[in-house]
Amino acid sequence: MILPQLEEQAHGPEVVGMFFFEDNNYVLVKGDPLGERLAKVAKQQNIMLMGAGNSRQACRRRHHRLLP
């Protein structure tokens, strides 16, 4: 992941969005250390975070815990 580069502002290209699929959605949950770091960088650098679950129900179950 490019998170360390983004935190140090050492990633060359501008990142405008990051999309996470199924198994990687755990990083978008409040309380996950990696997710909290990602949310902080996304807010600072105006990066859109997006995720897609394997079903609509899975997304609904996690909705209350997703990062803003």
PDB file of N, CA and C in Angstrom:
ATOM      1  N   MET A   1       0.845  -1.185   0.000  1.00  0.00           N
ATOM      2  CA  MET A   1       0.000   0.000   0.000  1.00  0.00           C
ATOM      3  C   MET A   1       0.881   1.234   0.000  1.00  0.00           C
ATOM      4  N   ILE A   2       0.368   2.281  -0.508  1.00  0.00           N
ATOM      5  CA  ILE A   2       1.119   3.524  -0.628  1.00  0.00           C
ATOM      6  C   ILE A   2       0.948   4.430   0.588  1.00  0.00           C
ATOM      7  N   LEU A   3       0.332   3.945   1.627  1.00  0.00           N
ATOM      8  CA  LEU A   3       0.062   4.772   2.804  1.00  0.00           C
ATOM      9  C   LEU A   3       1.315   5.432   3.378  1.00  0.00           C
ATOM     10  N   PRO A   4       2.411   4.705   3.597  1.00  0.00           N
ATOM     11  CA  PRO A   4       3.597   5.384   4.127  1.00  0.00           C
ATOM     12  C   PRO A   4       4.084   6.523   3.220  1.00  0.00           C
ATOM     13  N   GLN A   5       4.004   6.326   1.917  1.00  0.00           N
ATOM     14  CA  GLN A   5       4.402   7.390   0.989  1.00  0.00           C
ATOM     15  C   GLN A   5       3.474   8.592   1.102  1.00  0.00           C
ATOM     16  N   LEU A   6       2.178   8.329   1.233  1.00  0.00           N
ATOM     17  CA  LEU A   6       1.224   9.433   1.368  1.00  0.00           C
ATOM     18  C   LEU A   6       1.434  10.183   2.682  1.00  0.00           C
ATOM     19  N   GLU A   7       1.701   9.443   3.758  1.00  0.00           N
ATOM     20  CA  GLU A   7       1.935  10.082   5.051  1.00  0.00           C
ATOM     21  C   GLU A   7       3.149  10.998   5.015  1.00  0.00           C
ATOM     22  N   GLU A   8       4.164  10.608   4.265  1.00  0.00           N
ATOM     23  CA  GLU A   8       5.389  11.401   4.163  1.00  0.00           C
ATOM     24  C   GLU A   8       5.342  12.385   2.997  1.00  0.00           C
ATOM     25  N   GLN A   9       4.231  12.420   2.304  1.00  0.00           N
ATOM     26  CA  GLN A   9       4.043  13.242   1.103  1.00  0.00           C
ATOM     27  C   GLN A   9       5.169  13.001   0.105  1.00  0.00           C
ATOM     28  N   ALA A  10       5.517  11.734  -0.060  1.00  0.00           N
ATOM     29  CA  ALA A  10       6.600  11.341  -0.952  1.00  0.00           C
ATOM     30  C   ALA A  10       6.089  10.539  -2.145  1.00  0.00           C
ATOM     31  N   HIS A  11       4.785  10.453  -2.313  1.00  0.00           N
ATOM     32  CA  HIS A  11       4.210   9.727  -3.446  1.00  0.00           C
ATOM     33  C   HIS A  11       4.098  10.697  -4.607  1.00  0.00           C
ATOM     34  N   GLY A  12       4.730  10.405  -5.717  1.00  0.00           N
ATOM     35  CA  GLY A  12       4.778  11.326  -6.848  1.00  0.00           C
ATOM     36  C   GLY A  12       3.424  11.755  -7.391  1.00  0.00           C
ATOM     37  N   PRO A  13       2.647  10.843  -7.961  1.00  0.00           N
ATOM     38  CA  PRO A  13       1.368  11.228  -8.559  1.00  0.00           C
ATOM     39  C   PRO A  13       0.339  11.640  -7.497  1.00  0.00           C
ATOM     40  N   GLU A  14      -0.541  12.537  -7.869  1.00  0.00           N
ATOM     41  CA  GLU A  14      -1.625  12.934  -6.967  1.00  0.00           C
ATOM     42  C   GLU A  14      -2.634  11.789  -6.880  1.00  0.00           C
ATOM     43  N   VAL A  15      -2.999  11.432  -5.671  1.00  0.00           N
ATOM     44  CA  VAL A  15      -3.994  10.382  -5.451  1.00  0.00           C
ATOM     45  C   VAL A  15      -5.329  11.065  -5.172  1.00  0.00           C
ATOM     46  N   VAL A  16      -6.342  10.761  -5.959  1.00  0.00           N
ATOM     47  CA  VAL A  16      -7.647  11.384  -5.774  1.00  0.00           C
ATOM     48  C   VAL A  16      -8.661  10.427  -5.174  1.00  0.00           C
ATOM     49  N   GLY A  17      -8.381   9.121  -5.227  1.00  0.00           N
ATOM     50  CA  GLY A  17      -9.304   8.151  -4.674  1.00  0.00           C
ATOM     51  C   GLY A  17      -8.643   6.794  -4.500  1.00  0.00           C
ATOM     52  N   MET A  18      -9.187   6.026  -3.559  1.00  0.00           N
ATOM     53  CA  MET A  18      -8.733   4.652  -3.332  1.00  0.00           C
ATOM     54  C   MET A  18      -9.969   3.791  -3.157  1.00  0.00           C
ATOM     55  N   PHE A  19      -9.989   2.667  -3.854  1.00  0.00           N
ATOM     56  CA  PHE A  19     -11.147   1.779  -3.842  1.00  0.00           C
ATOM     57  C   PHE A  19     -10.728   0.441  -3.251  1.00  0.00           C
ATOM     58  N   PHE A  20     -11.482  -0.032  -2.270  1.00  0.00           N
ATOM     59  CA  PHE A  20     -11.175  -1.287  -1.596  1.00  0.00           C
ATOM     60  C   PHE A  20     -12.287  -2.289  -1.881  1.00  0.00           C
ATOM     61  N   PHE A  21     -11.899  -3.512  -2.207  1.00  0.00           N
ATOM     62  CA  PHE A  21     -12.851  -4.570  -2.532  1.00  0.00           C
ATOM     63  C   PHE A  21     -12.883  -5.613  -1.426  1.00  0.00           C
ATOM     64  N   GLU A  22     -14.039  -6.168  -1.204  1.00  0.00           N
ATOM     65  CA  GLU A  22     -14.338  -7.293  -0.315  1.00  0.00           C
ATOM     66  C   GLU A  22     -13.362  -7.508   0.835  1.00  0.00           C
ATOM     67  N   ASP A  23     -12.338  -8.324   0.655  1.00  0.00           N
ATOM     68  CA  ASP A  23     -11.450  -8.692   1.756  1.00  0.00           C
ATOM     69  C   ASP A  23     -10.654  -7.525   2.320  1.00  0.00           C
ATOM     70  N   ASN A  24     -10.499  -6.470   1.563  1.00  0.00           N
ATOM     71  CA  ASN A  24      -9.722  -5.324   2.020  1.00  0.00           C
ATOM     72  C   ASN A  24     -10.578  -4.231   2.656  1.00  0.00           C
ATOM     73  N   ASN A  25     -11.882  -4.436   2.741  1.00  0.00           N
ATOM     74  CA  ASN A  25     -12.759  -3.438   3.343  1.00  0.00           C
ATOM     75  C   ASN A  25     -12.517  -3.254   4.836  1.00  0.00           C
ATOM     76  N   TYR A  26     -11.832  -4.206   5.472  1.00  0.00           N
ATOM     77  CA  TYR A  26     -11.583  -4.082   6.915  1.00  0.00           C
ATOM     78  C   TYR A  26     -10.849  -2.789   7.248  1.00  0.00           C
ATOM     79  N   VAL A  27     -10.080  -2.250   6.309  1.00  0.00           N
ATOM     80  CA  VAL A  27      -9.343  -1.016   6.604  1.00  0.00           C
ATOM     81  C   VAL A  27     -10.252   0.200   6.670  1.00  0.00           C
ATOM     82  N   LEU A  28     -11.486   0.066   6.238  1.00  0.00           N
ATOM     83  CA  LEU A  28     -12.414   1.200   6.274  1.00  0.00           C
ATOM     84  C   LEU A  28     -13.303   1.193   7.515  1.00  0.00           C
ATOM     85  N   VAL A  29     -12.977   0.367   8.485  1.00  0.00           N
ATOM     86  CA  VAL A  29     -13.781   0.250   9.700  1.00  0.00           C
ATOM     87  C   VAL A  29     -13.152   1.063  10.826  1.00  0.00           C
ATOM     88  N   LYS A  30     -13.977   1.823  11.537  1.00  0.00           N
ATOM     89  CA  LYS A  30     -13.490   2.604  12.674  1.00  0.00           C
ATOM     90  C   LYS A  30     -12.772   1.701  13.664  1.00  0.00           C
ATOM     91  N   GLY A  31     -11.670   2.193  14.182  1.00  0.00           N
ATOM     92  CA  GLY A  31     -10.927   1.441  15.174  1.00  0.00           C
ATOM     93  C   GLY A  31      -9.806   0.599  14.593  1.00  0.00           C
ATOM     94  N   ASP A  32      -9.825   0.344  13.301  1.00  0.00           N
ATOM     95  CA  ASP A  32      -8.728  -0.397  12.682  1.00  0.00           C
ATOM     96  C   ASP A  32      -7.539   0.551  12.571  1.00  0.00           C
ATOM     97  N   PRO A  33      -6.365   0.187  13.106  1.00  0.00           N
ATOM     98  CA  PRO A  33      -5.213   1.101  13.094  1.00  0.00           C
ATOM     99  C   PRO A  33      -4.825   1.574  11.694  1.00  0.00           C
ATOM    100  N   LEU A  34      -4.817   0.665  10.747  1.00  0.00           N
ATOM    101  CA  LEU A  34      -4.483   1.047   9.378  1.00  0.00           C
ATOM    102  C   LEU A  34      -5.554   1.969   8.802  1.00  0.00           C
ATOM    103  N   GLY A  35      -6.806   1.644   9.085  1.00  0.00           N
ATOM    104  CA  GLY A  35      -7.909   2.472   8.607  1.00  0.00           C
ATOM    105  C   GLY A  35      -7.901   3.872   9.185  1.00  0.00           C
ATOM    106  N   GLU A  36      -7.558   3.990  10.446  1.00  0.00           N
ATOM    107  CA  GLU A  36      -7.491   5.314  11.078  1.00  0.00           C
ATOM    108  C   GLU A  36      -6.382   6.157  10.441  1.00  0.00           C
ATOM    109  N   ARG A  37      -5.241   5.530  10.165  1.00  0.00           N
ATOM    110  CA  ARG A  37      -4.150   6.250   9.480  1.00  0.00           C
ATOM    111  C   ARG A  37      -4.596   6.677   8.085  1.00  0.00           C
ATOM    112  N   LEU A  38      -5.254   5.768   7.394  1.00  0.00           N
ATOM    113  CA  LEU A  38      -5.731   6.047   6.044  1.00  0.00           C
ATOM    114  C   LEU A  38      -6.755   7.180   6.041  1.00  0.00           C
ATOM    115  N   ALA A  39      -7.674   7.161   6.996  1.00  0.00           N
ATOM    116  CA  ALA A  39      -8.692   8.201   7.086  1.00  0.00           C
ATOM    117  C   ALA A  39      -8.062   9.570   7.350  1.00  0.00           C
ATOM    118  N   LYS A  40      -7.049   9.589   8.194  1.00  0.00           N
ATOM    119  CA  LYS A  40      -6.365  10.854   8.505  1.00  0.00           C
ATOM    120  C   LYS A  40      -5.705  11.437   7.254  1.00  0.00           C
ATOM    121  N   VAL A  41      -4.973  10.598   6.527  1.00  0.00           N
ATOM    122  CA  VAL A  41      -4.309  11.046   5.300  1.00  0.00           C
ATOM    123  C   VAL A  41      -5.341  11.451   4.253  1.00  0.00           C
ATOM    124  N   ALA A  42      -6.413  10.675   4.127  1.00  0.00           N
ATOM    125  CA  ALA A  42      -7.453  10.980   3.139  1.00  0.00           C
ATOM    126  C   ALA A  42      -8.087  12.343   3.427  1.00  0.00           C
ATOM    127  N   LYS A  43      -8.315  12.629   4.684  1.00  0.00           N
ATOM    128  CA  LYS A  43      -8.912  13.923   5.040  1.00  0.00           C
ATOM    129  C   LYS A  43      -7.937  15.066   4.753  1.00  0.00           C
ATOM    130  N   GLN A  44      -6.684  14.890   5.113  1.00  0.00           N
ATOM    131  CA  GLN A  44      -5.669  15.922   4.896  1.00  0.00           C
ATOM    132  C   GLN A  44      -5.434  16.208   3.418  1.00  0.00           C
ATOM    133  N   GLN A  45      -5.449  15.150   2.606  1.00  0.00           N
ATOM    134  CA  GLN A  45      -5.090  15.293   1.196  1.00  0.00           C
ATOM    135  C   GLN A  45      -6.288  15.229   0.256  1.00  0.00           C
ATOM    136  N   ASN A  46      -7.486  15.256   0.820  1.00  0.00           N
ATOM    137  CA  ASN A  46      -8.724  15.256   0.030  1.00  0.00           C
ATOM    138  C   ASN A  46      -8.803  14.042  -0.910  1.00  0.00           C
ATOM    139  N   ILE A  47      -8.570  12.861  -0.341  1.00  0.00           N
ATOM    140  CA  ILE A  47      -8.628  11.605  -1.095  1.00  0.00           C
ATOM    141  C   ILE A  47      -9.962  10.918  -0.799  1.00  0.00           C
ATOM    142  N   MET A  48     -10.674  10.514  -1.836  1.00  0.00           N
ATOM    143  CA  MET A  48     -11.940   9.814  -1.652  1.00  0.00           C
ATOM    144  C   MET A  48     -11.668   8.337  -1.378  1.00  0.00           C
ATOM    145  N   LEU A  49     -12.231   7.819  -0.292  1.00  0.00           N
ATOM    146  CA  LEU A  49     -12.116   6.404   0.034  1.00  0.00           C
ATOM    147  C   LEU A  49     -13.422   5.708  -0.305  1.00  0.00           C
ATOM    148  N   MET A  50     -13.337   4.586  -1.013  1.00  0.00           N
ATOM    149  CA  MET A  50     -14.526   3.864  -1.429  1.00  0.00           C
ATOM    150  C   MET A  50     -14.337   2.378  -1.155  1.00  0.00           C
ATOM    151  N   GLY A  51     -15.432   1.682  -0.918  1.00  0.00           N
ATOM    152  CA  GLY A  51     -15.355   0.253  -0.684  1.00  0.00           C
ATOM    153  C   GLY A  51     -16.549  -0.463  -1.275  1.00  0.00           C
ATOM    154  N   ALA A  52     -16.326  -1.700  -1.683  1.00  0.00           N
ATOM    155  CA  ALA A  52     -17.395  -2.529  -2.228  1.00  0.00           C
ATOM    156  C   ALA A  52     -17.353  -3.882  -1.545  1.00  0.00           C
ATOM    157  N   GLY A  53     -18.471  -4.250  -0.931  1.00  0.00           N
ATOM    158  CA  GLY A  53     -18.557  -5.546  -0.275  1.00  0.00           C
ATOM    159  C   GLY A  53     -19.022  -6.608  -1.246  1.00  0.00           C
ATOM    160  N   ASN A  54     -19.085  -7.826  -0.742  1.00  0.00           N
ATOM    161  CA  ASN A  54     -19.518  -8.914  -1.601  1.00  0.00           C
ATOM    162  C   ASN A  54     -21.036  -9.009  -1.683  1.00  0.00           C
ATOM    163  N   SER A  55     -21.715  -8.238  -0.835  1.00  0.00           N
ATOM    164  CA  SER A  55     -23.174  -8.210  -0.918  1.00  0.00           C
ATOM    165  C   SER A  55     -23.697  -6.937  -0.273  1.00  0.00           C
ATOM    166  N   ARG A  56     -24.893  -6.588  -0.631  1.00  0.00           N
ATOM    167  CA  ARG A  56     -25.519  -5.402  -0.069  1.00  0.00           C
ATOM    168  C   ARG A  56     -25.717  -5.554   1.436  1.00  0.00           C
ATOM    169  N   GLN A  57     -26.044  -6.757   1.885  1.00  0.00           N
ATOM    170  CA  GLN A  57     -26.254  -6.999   3.318  1.00  0.00           C
ATOM    171  C   GLN A  57     -24.976  -6.790   4.117  1.00  0.00           C
ATOM    172  N   ALA A  58     -23.836  -7.241   3.589  1.00  0.00           N
ATOM    173  CA  ALA A  58     -22.568  -7.078   4.292  1.00  0.00           C
ATOM    174  C   ALA A  58     -22.263  -5.603   4.480  1.00  0.00           C
ATOM    175  N   CYS A  59     -22.530  -4.804   3.475  1.00  0.00           N
ATOM    176  CA  CYS A  59     -22.294  -3.364   3.588  1.00  0.00           C
ATOM    177  C   CYS A  59     -23.215  -2.734   4.623  1.00  0.00           C
ATOM    178  N   ARG A  60     -24.464  -3.170   4.682  1.00  0.00           N
ATOM    179  CA  ARG A  60     -25.399  -2.626   5.669  1.00  0.00           C
ATOM    180  C   ARG A  60     -24.963  -2.978   7.085  1.00  0.00           C
ATOM    181  N   ARG A  61     -24.496  -4.220   7.289  1.00  0.00           N
ATOM    182  CA  ARG A  61     -24.062  -4.643   8.620  1.00  0.00           C
ATOM    183  C   ARG A  61     -22.870  -3.829   9.099  1.00  0.00           C
ATOM    184  N   ARG A  62     -21.990  -3.462   8.189  1.00  0.00           N
ATOM    185  CA  ARG A  62     -20.789  -2.719   8.554  1.00  0.00           C
ATOM    186  C   ARG A  62     -21.001  -1.210   8.574  1.00  0.00           C
ATOM    187  N   HIS A  63     -22.087  -0.722   8.019  1.00  0.00           N
ATOM    188  CA  HIS A  63     -22.292   0.710   7.810  1.00  0.00           C
ATOM    189  C   HIS A  63     -22.080   1.530   9.082  1.00  0.00           C
ATOM    190  N   HIS A  64     -22.564   1.072  10.210  1.00  0.00           N
ATOM    191  CA  HIS A  64     -22.472   1.843  11.442  1.00  0.00           C
ATOM    192  C   HIS A  64     -21.036   1.954  11.948  1.00  0.00           C
ATOM    193  N   ARG A  65     -20.136   1.142  11.410  1.00  0.00           N
ATOM    194  CA  ARG A  65     -18.746   1.175  11.861  1.00  0.00           C
ATOM    195  C   ARG A  65     -17.789   1.744  10.817  1.00  0.00           C
ATOM    196  N   LEU A  66     -18.293   2.155   9.663  1.00  0.00           N
ATOM    197  CA  LEU A  66     -17.425   2.653   8.604  1.00  0.00           C
ATOM    198  C   LEU A  66     -16.854   4.012   8.950  1.00  0.00           C
ATOM    199  N   LEU A  67     -15.649   4.269   8.470  1.00  0.00           N
ATOM    200  CA  LEU A  67     -15.023   5.569   8.654  1.00  0.00           C
ATOM    201  C   LEU A  67     -15.796   6.623   7.885  1.00  0.00           C
ATOM    202  N   PRO A  68     -15.808   7.852   8.366  1.00  0.00           N
ATOM    203  CA  PRO A  68     -16.536   8.899   7.654  1.00  0.00           C
ATOM    204  C   PRO A  68     -15.851   9.272   6.349  1.00  0.00           C
TER     205      PRO A  68
END
